[in-house]
């Protein structure tokens, strides 16, 4: 469980933007954003969702009629993530690569992250390398499609799973890294949303990943 609590980042006449910490569910487990918004007496019309293990930005529509239009706006906008991957990506800093393995829209596991052949759907993930060493790669990621666990699955299929991912990375590796760096979380955050709604442009950001320690004194 995270020791960081949910926060309201912004609120206007159409929607609320929340920060969801790692280790907090949107609505399926305790603690949850649903519990938080009920305590705050806010609406419960979640426009997007994040995995329990992922931190980042979540949007809530102020009423049910705004829910679908906001979903469409987020779909047309830019959802940017930041992640720490295992190992050195075979690209240069600033270079982009598109991961386009078809994957299922279901939760899978490390033995078959892609999913069964009959369930595969087109999936595109744009990855930009921020920095790397022999052991880790920090990347910015833009989702072009929105399959369940898409970033986590594509990272595993690229042979560079997300550090701390207990579903798609190796347990022994995660335990070793957690012991070395005293951090157990999955290193993935939905850090920015860019979208247009009712002729207004919006940009929201958060940044809670502490990745510098993974690059200090390592070459």
C-alpha atoms as a PDB file:
ATOM      1  CA  UNK A   1       0.000   0.000   0.000  1.00  0.00           C
ATOM      2  CA  UNK A   2       1.210   3.484  -0.837  1.00  0.00           C
ATOM      3  CA  UNK A   3       1.894   6.013   1.915  1.00  0.00           C
ATOM      4  CA  UNK A   4       0.856   8.815  -0.464  1.00  0.00           C
ATOM      5  CA  UNK A   5      -2.818   9.767  -0.438  1.00  0.00           C
ATOM      6  CA  UNK A   6      -4.985  10.689  -3.458  1.00  0.00           C
ATOM      7  CA  UNK A   7      -5.097  14.368  -4.330  1.00  0.00           C
ATOM      8  CA  UNK A   8      -7.381  16.618  -6.339  1.00  0.00           C
ATOM      9  CA  UNK A   9      -5.164  18.236  -8.993  1.00  0.00           C
ATOM     10  CA  UNK A  10      -7.791  20.375 -10.708  1.00  0.00           C
ATOM     11  CA  UNK A  11     -11.545  20.941 -10.758  1.00  0.00           C
ATOM     12  CA  UNK A  12     -13.801  22.927 -13.076  1.00  0.00           C
ATOM     13  CA  UNK A  13     -17.410  22.938 -14.239  1.00  0.00           C
ATOM     14  CA  UNK A  14     -16.970  19.758 -16.304  1.00  0.00           C
ATOM     15  CA  UNK A  15     -14.521  17.408 -14.577  1.00  0.00           C
ATOM     16  CA  UNK A  16     -12.122  16.717 -11.734  1.00  0.00           C
ATOM     17  CA  UNK A  17      -8.524  15.532 -12.176  1.00  0.00           C
ATOM     18  CA  UNK A  18      -7.153  13.308  -9.411  1.00  0.00           C
ATOM     19  CA  UNK A  19      -3.715  11.977  -8.650  1.00  0.00           C
ATOM     20  CA  UNK A  20      -3.924   8.239  -7.884  1.00  0.00           C
ATOM     21  CA  UNK A  21      -0.970   6.888  -5.896  1.00  0.00           C
ATOM     22  CA  UNK A  22       0.556   3.490  -6.550  1.00  0.00           C
ATOM     23  CA  UNK A  23      -1.085   0.883  -4.327  1.00  0.00           C
ATOM     24  CA  UNK A  24      -4.510   2.514  -4.505  1.00  0.00           C
ATOM     25  CA  UNK A  25      -7.307   0.988  -6.563  1.00  0.00           C
ATOM     26  CA  UNK A  26      -9.739   3.051  -8.614  1.00  0.00           C
ATOM     27  CA  UNK A  27     -12.748   1.189  -7.240  1.00  0.00           C
ATOM     28  CA  UNK A  28     -12.191  -2.579  -6.856  1.00  0.00           C
ATOM     29  CA  UNK A  29     -10.062  -2.742  -3.696  1.00  0.00           C
ATOM     30  CA  UNK A  30      -9.367  -0.870  -0.469  1.00  0.00           C
ATOM     31  CA  UNK A  31      -7.901   1.761  -0.386  1.00  0.00           C
ATOM     32  CA  UNK A  32      -9.560   3.219  -3.480  1.00  0.00           C
ATOM     33  CA  UNK A  33     -10.250   6.458  -5.304  1.00  0.00           C
ATOM     34  CA  UNK A  34     -13.937   5.625  -4.994  1.00  0.00           C
ATOM     35  CA  UNK A  35     -13.658   5.769  -1.209  1.00  0.00           C
ATOM     36  CA  UNK A  36     -11.726   9.032  -1.473  1.00  0.00           C
ATOM     37  CA  UNK A  37     -14.273  10.797  -3.712  1.00  0.00           C
ATOM     38  CA  UNK A  38     -17.147   9.616  -1.520  1.00  0.00           C
ATOM     39  CA  UNK A  39     -15.397  11.138   1.501  1.00  0.00           C
ATOM     40  CA  UNK A  40     -14.889  14.350  -0.463  1.00  0.00           C
ATOM     41  CA  UNK A  41     -18.548  14.273  -1.612  1.00  0.00           C
ATOM     42  CA  UNK A  42     -17.458  14.303  -5.255  1.00  0.00           C
ATOM     43  CA  UNK A  43     -19.106  12.465  -8.182  1.00  0.00           C
ATOM     44  CA  UNK A  44     -18.097   8.924  -9.111  1.00  0.00           C
ATOM     45  CA  UNK A  45     -18.114   9.048 -12.927  1.00  0.00           C
ATOM     46  CA  UNK A  46     -14.575   7.813 -13.624  1.00  0.00           C
ATOM     47  CA  UNK A  47     -13.568   8.625 -17.206  1.00  0.00           C
ATOM     48  CA  UNK A  48     -10.316   6.616 -17.233  1.00  0.00           C
ATOM     49  CA  UNK A  49      -8.766   4.015 -14.972  1.00  0.00           C
ATOM     50  CA  UNK A  50      -5.291   2.911 -13.929  1.00  0.00           C
ATOM     51  CA  UNK A  51      -3.992  -0.358 -12.570  1.00  0.00           C
ATOM     52  CA  UNK A  52      -3.664  -0.728  -8.798  1.00  0.00           C
ATOM     53  CA  UNK A  53       0.134  -0.785  -9.274  1.00  0.00           C
ATOM     54  CA  UNK A  54       0.271   2.353 -11.476  1.00  0.00           C
ATOM     55  CA  UNK A  55       0.321   5.927 -10.183  1.00  0.00           C
ATOM     56  CA  UNK A  56      -0.952   8.885 -12.155  1.00  0.00           C
ATOM     57  CA  UNK A  57      -3.812  11.018 -13.380  1.00  0.00           C
ATOM     58  CA  UNK A  58      -7.470  10.001 -13.367  1.00  0.00           C
ATOM     59  CA  UNK A  59     -10.374  12.118 -14.648  1.00  0.00           C
ATOM     60  CA  UNK A  60     -13.890  12.160 -13.183  1.00  0.00           C
ATOM     61  CA  UNK A  61     -16.857  13.687 -15.021  1.00  0.00           C
ATOM     62  CA  UNK A  62     -19.022  15.956 -12.890  1.00  0.00           C
ATOM     63  CA  UNK A  63     -22.184  14.357 -14.237  1.00  0.00           C
ATOM     64  CA  UNK A  64     -23.175  11.291 -16.235  1.00  0.00           C
ATOM     65  CA  UNK A  65     -23.916  13.271 -19.421  1.00  0.00           C
ATOM     66  CA  UNK A  66     -20.299  14.450 -19.582  1.00  0.00           C
ATOM     67  CA  UNK A  67     -18.828  10.973 -19.169  1.00  0.00           C
ATOM     68  CA  UNK A  68     -18.875   9.777 -22.782  1.00  0.00           C
ATOM     69  CA  UNK A  69     -17.821  13.146 -24.325  1.00  0.00           C
ATOM     70  CA  UNK A  70     -14.867  13.260 -21.922  1.00  0.00           C
ATOM     71  CA  UNK A  71     -13.908   9.685 -22.792  1.00  0.00           C
ATOM     72  CA  UNK A  72     -13.863  10.668 -26.461  1.00  0.00           C
ATOM     73  CA  UNK A  73     -11.718  13.721 -25.709  1.00  0.00           C
ATOM     74  CA  UNK A  74      -9.179  11.690 -23.745  1.00  0.00           C
ATOM     75  CA  UNK A  75      -9.103   9.094 -26.518  1.00  0.00           C
ATOM     76  CA  UNK A  76      -8.235  11.805 -29.063  1.00  0.00           C
ATOM     77  CA  UNK A  77      -5.733  13.454 -26.732  1.00  0.00           C
ATOM     78  CA  UNK A  78      -2.236  12.431 -25.618  1.00  0.00           C
ATOM     79  CA  UNK A  79      -1.710  10.161 -22.617  1.00  0.00           C
ATOM     80  CA  UNK A  80       1.951  10.136 -21.637  1.00  0.00           C
ATOM     81  CA  UNK A  81       3.518   7.682 -19.192  1.00  0.00           C
ATOM     82  CA  UNK A  82       6.974   7.361 -17.642  1.00  0.00           C
ATOM     83  CA  UNK A  83       8.521   3.992 -16.823  1.00  0.00           C
ATOM     84  CA  UNK A  84      11.730   2.347 -15.685  1.00  0.00           C
ATOM     85  CA  UNK A  85      12.522  -0.738 -17.736  1.00  0.00           C
ATOM     86  CA  UNK A  86      14.841  -3.620 -17.003  1.00  0.00           C
ATOM     87  CA  UNK A  87      18.053  -3.530 -19.035  1.00  0.00           C
ATOM     88  CA  UNK A  88      19.341  -1.196 -21.750  1.00  0.00           C
ATOM     89  CA  UNK A  89      17.036  -0.562 -24.693  1.00  0.00           C
ATOM     90  CA  UNK A  90      18.891  -0.966 -28.021  1.00  0.00           C
ATOM     91  CA  UNK A  91      18.170   2.618 -29.117  1.00  0.00           C
ATOM     92  CA  UNK A  92      19.828   5.987 -28.507  1.00  0.00           C
ATOM     93  CA  UNK A  93      18.697   8.695 -26.070  1.00  0.00           C
ATOM     94  CA  UNK A  94      15.914  10.706 -27.698  1.00  0.00           C
ATOM     95  CA  UNK A  95      15.160   7.986 -30.233  1.00  0.00           C
ATOM     96  CA  UNK A  96      11.614   6.679 -30.617  1.00  0.00           C
ATOM     97  CA  UNK A  97      10.422   3.163 -31.316  1.00  0.00           C
ATOM     98  CA  UNK A  98       6.900   1.809 -31.876  1.00  0.00           C
ATOM     99  CA  UNK A  99       5.957  -1.440 -30.187  1.00  0.00           C
ATOM    100  CA  UNK A 100       3.079  -2.877 -32.193  1.00  0.00           C
ATOM    101  CA  UNK A 101       2.680  -6.466 -31.083  1.00  0.00           C
ATOM    102  CA  UNK A 102      -1.001  -7.413 -31.113  1.00  0.00           C
ATOM    103  CA  UNK A 103      -2.136  -8.292 -27.601  1.00  0.00           C
ATOM    104  CA  UNK A 104      -5.286  -9.396 -25.838  1.00  0.00           C
ATOM    105  CA  UNK A 105      -7.459  -6.933 -23.952  1.00  0.00           C
ATOM    106  CA  UNK A 106      -7.282  -9.136 -20.850  1.00  0.00           C
ATOM    107  CA  UNK A 107      -4.949  -9.432 -17.887  1.00  0.00           C
ATOM    108  CA  UNK A 108      -2.321 -12.043 -18.758  1.00  0.00           C
ATOM    109  CA  UNK A 109       0.938 -13.175 -17.112  1.00  0.00           C
ATOM    110  CA  UNK A 110       4.679 -13.401 -17.663  1.00  0.00           C
ATOM    111  CA  UNK A 111       4.457 -16.810 -19.350  1.00  0.00           C
ATOM    112  CA  UNK A 112       2.231 -15.458 -22.118  1.00  0.00           C
ATOM    113  CA  UNK A 113       1.958 -11.653 -21.906  1.00  0.00           C
ATOM    114  CA  UNK A 114       0.608 -11.414 -25.439  1.00  0.00           C
ATOM    115  CA  UNK A 115      -2.437 -13.600 -24.786  1.00  0.00           C
ATOM    116  CA  UNK A 116      -4.113 -16.322 -26.816  1.00  0.00           C
ATOM    117  CA  UNK A 117      -4.090 -15.992 -30.595  1.00  0.00           C
ATOM    118  CA  UNK A 118      -7.864 -15.758 -30.916  1.00  0.00           C
ATOM    119  CA  UNK A 119      -7.957 -12.755 -28.537  1.00  0.00           C
ATOM    120  CA  UNK A 120      -5.227 -10.602 -30.116  1.00  0.00           C
ATOM    121  CA  UNK A 121      -6.034  -7.014 -31.099  1.00  0.00           C
ATOM    122  CA  UNK A 122      -3.902  -4.345 -32.827  1.00  0.00           C
ATOM    123  CA  UNK A 123      -1.907  -2.343 -30.268  1.00  0.00           C
ATOM    124  CA  UNK A 124       0.586   0.512 -30.661  1.00  0.00           C
ATOM    125  CA  UNK A 125       2.874   1.979 -28.015  1.00  0.00           C
ATOM    126  CA  UNK A 126       5.311   4.831 -28.758  1.00  0.00           C
ATOM    127  CA  UNK A 127       8.457   4.656 -26.617  1.00  0.00           C
ATOM    128  CA  UNK A 128      11.120   7.389 -26.326  1.00  0.00           C
ATOM    129  CA  UNK A 129      14.368   6.691 -24.485  1.00  0.00           C
ATOM    130  CA  UNK A 130      15.190   9.335 -21.839  1.00  0.00           C
ATOM    131  CA  UNK A 131      18.367   7.765 -20.392  1.00  0.00           C
ATOM    132  CA  UNK A 132      19.905   4.368 -19.855  1.00  0.00           C
ATOM    133  CA  UNK A 133      22.793   2.430 -18.393  1.00  0.00           C
ATOM    134  CA  UNK A 134      23.657  -1.258 -18.509  1.00  0.00           C
ATOM    135  CA  UNK A 135      20.921  -2.107 -16.055  1.00  0.00           C
ATOM    136  CA  UNK A 136      17.961   0.230 -16.601  1.00  0.00           C
ATOM    137  CA  UNK A 137      16.194   2.381 -19.201  1.00  0.00           C
ATOM    138  CA  UNK A 138      14.001   5.368 -18.362  1.00  0.00           C
ATOM    139  CA  UNK A 139      11.389   5.938 -21.055  1.00  0.00           C
ATOM    140  CA  UNK A 140       8.493   8.206 -21.944  1.00  0.00           C
ATOM    141  CA  UNK A 141       5.555   6.332 -23.412  1.00  0.00           C
ATOM    142  CA  UNK A 142       2.546   7.504 -25.411  1.00  0.00           C
ATOM    143  CA  UNK A 143      -0.351   5.101 -25.766  1.00  0.00           C
ATOM    144  CA  UNK A 144      -1.746   4.972 -29.278  1.00  0.00           C
ATOM    145  CA  UNK A 145      -4.283   2.288 -28.313  1.00  0.00           C
ATOM    146  CA  UNK A 146      -5.696   1.351 -24.936  1.00  0.00           C
ATOM    147  CA  UNK A 147      -5.556  -2.376 -24.287  1.00  0.00           C
ATOM    148  CA  UNK A 148      -5.506  -3.728 -20.751  1.00  0.00           C
ATOM    149  CA  UNK A 149      -1.953  -3.754 -19.342  1.00  0.00           C
ATOM    150  CA  UNK A 150      -0.704  -2.569 -22.765  1.00  0.00           C
ATOM    151  CA  UNK A 151       2.501  -0.886 -21.583  1.00  0.00           C
ATOM    152  CA  UNK A 152       3.279  -3.716 -19.186  1.00  0.00           C
ATOM    153  CA  UNK A 153       2.703  -6.395 -21.848  1.00  0.00           C
ATOM    154  CA  UNK A 154       4.619  -4.593 -24.594  1.00  0.00           C
ATOM    155  CA  UNK A 155       7.567  -4.003 -22.264  1.00  0.00           C
ATOM    156  CA  UNK A 156       7.641  -7.707 -21.416  1.00  0.00           C
ATOM    157  CA  UNK A 157       7.378  -8.672 -25.099  1.00  0.00           C
ATOM    158  CA  UNK A 158      10.313  -6.331 -25.829  1.00  0.00           C
ATOM    159  CA  UNK A 159      12.318  -8.280 -23.197  1.00  0.00           C
ATOM    160  CA  UNK A 160      12.541  -5.141 -21.056  1.00  0.00           C
ATOM    161  CA  UNK A 161       9.744  -5.548 -18.482  1.00  0.00           C
ATOM    162  CA  UNK A 162       8.907  -2.752 -16.087  1.00  0.00           C
ATOM    163  CA  UNK A 163      10.937  -2.766 -12.884  1.00  0.00           C
ATOM    164  CA  UNK A 164       8.726  -3.903  -9.997  1.00  0.00           C
ATOM    165  CA  UNK A 165       6.004  -5.388 -12.189  1.00  0.00           C
ATOM    166  CA  UNK A 166       4.917  -8.466 -10.247  1.00  0.00           C
ATOM    167  CA  UNK A 167       2.760  -9.787 -13.071  1.00  0.00           C
ATOM    168  CA  UNK A 168       5.038  -9.502 -16.128  1.00  0.00           C
ATOM    169  CA  UNK A 169       8.542  -9.297 -14.625  1.00  0.00           C
ATOM    170  CA  UNK A 170      10.450 -11.984 -12.714  1.00  0.00           C
ATOM    171  CA  UNK A 171       9.811 -12.287  -8.965  1.00  0.00           C
ATOM    172  CA  UNK A 172      13.457 -12.961  -8.063  1.00  0.00           C
ATOM    173  CA  UNK A 173      14.598  -9.944 -10.054  1.00  0.00           C
ATOM    174  CA  UNK A 174      11.997  -7.686  -8.431  1.00  0.00           C
ATOM    175  CA  UNK A 175      12.988  -8.853  -4.955  1.00  0.00           C
ATOM    176  CA  UNK A 176      16.673  -8.234  -5.703  1.00  0.00           C
ATOM    177  CA  UNK A 177      16.014  -4.700  -6.991  1.00  0.00           C
ATOM    178  CA  UNK A 178      13.678  -3.931  -4.081  1.00  0.00           C
ATOM    179  CA  UNK A 179      16.394  -4.971  -1.637  1.00  0.00           C
ATOM    180  CA  UNK A 180      19.056  -2.926  -3.427  1.00  0.00           C
ATOM    181  CA  UNK A 181      17.013   0.275  -3.796  1.00  0.00           C
ATOM    182  CA  UNK A 182      14.562  -0.080  -0.889  1.00  0.00           C
ATOM    183  CA  UNK A 183      11.548   0.370  -3.135  1.00  0.00           C
ATOM    184  CA  UNK A 184       8.961  -2.224  -4.094  1.00  0.00           C
ATOM    185  CA  UNK A 185       6.581  -0.284  -6.343  1.00  0.00           C
ATOM    186  CA  UNK A 186       6.080  -0.870 -10.036  1.00  0.00           C
ATOM    187  CA  UNK A 187       7.936   1.943 -11.808  1.00  0.00           C
ATOM    188  CA  UNK A 188       5.138   3.180 -14.066  1.00  0.00           C
ATOM    189  CA  UNK A 189       3.227   6.460 -13.880  1.00  0.00           C
ATOM    190  CA  UNK A 190       0.563   8.101 -16.036  1.00  0.00           C
ATOM    191  CA  UNK A 191       2.256  11.471 -15.789  1.00  0.00           C
ATOM    192  CA  UNK A 192       0.433  13.770 -18.223  1.00  0.00           C
ATOM    193  CA  UNK A 193      -2.846  14.281 -20.044  1.00  0.00           C
ATOM    194  CA  UNK A 194      -3.264  16.617 -23.025  1.00  0.00           C
ATOM    195  CA  UNK A 195      -6.752  16.948 -24.459  1.00  0.00           C
ATOM    196  CA  UNK A 196      -9.350  19.395 -25.735  1.00  0.00           C
ATOM    197  CA  UNK A 197     -12.856  19.621 -24.308  1.00  0.00           C
ATOM    198  CA  UNK A 198     -15.588  22.099 -25.216  1.00  0.00           C
ATOM    199  CA  UNK A 199     -13.122  24.228 -27.195  1.00  0.00           C
ATOM    200  CA  UNK A 200     -10.683  24.469 -24.276  1.00  0.00           C
ATOM    201  CA  UNK A 201      -7.227  22.892 -24.278  1.00  0.00           C
ATOM    202  CA  UNK A 202      -6.037  21.197 -21.100  1.00  0.00           C
ATOM    203  CA  UNK A 203      -2.706  19.866 -19.901  1.00  0.00           C
ATOM    204  CA  UNK A 204      -2.250  18.182 -16.547  1.00  0.00           C
ATOM    205  CA  UNK A 205       0.967  16.721 -15.153  1.00  0.00           C
ATOM    206  CA  UNK A 206       2.276  14.819 -12.143  1.00  0.00           C
ATOM    207  CA  UNK A 207       5.714  13.444 -11.385  1.00  0.00           C
ATOM    208  CA  UNK A 208       6.335  11.183  -8.389  1.00  0.00           C
ATOM    209  CA  UNK A 209       8.739   8.568  -9.741  1.00  0.00           C
ATOM    210  CA  UNK A 210      12.180   8.889  -8.141  1.00  0.00           C
ATOM    211  CA  UNK A 211      14.413   7.353 -10.800  1.00  0.00           C
ATOM    212  CA  UNK A 212      17.705   9.207 -10.248  1.00  0.00           C
ATOM    213  CA  UNK A 213      18.950   6.597  -7.790  1.00  0.00           C
ATOM    214  CA  UNK A 214      18.789   3.933 -10.498  1.00  0.00           C
ATOM    215  CA  UNK A 215      21.312   5.897 -12.566  1.00  0.00           C
ATOM    216  CA  UNK A 216      23.672   7.196  -9.854  1.00  0.00           C
ATOM    217  CA  UNK A 217      27.195   5.793 -10.137  1.00  0.00           C
ATOM    218  CA  UNK A 218      26.086   3.207 -12.671  1.00  0.00           C
ATOM    219  CA  UNK A 219      27.443   3.076 -16.228  1.00  0.00           C
END
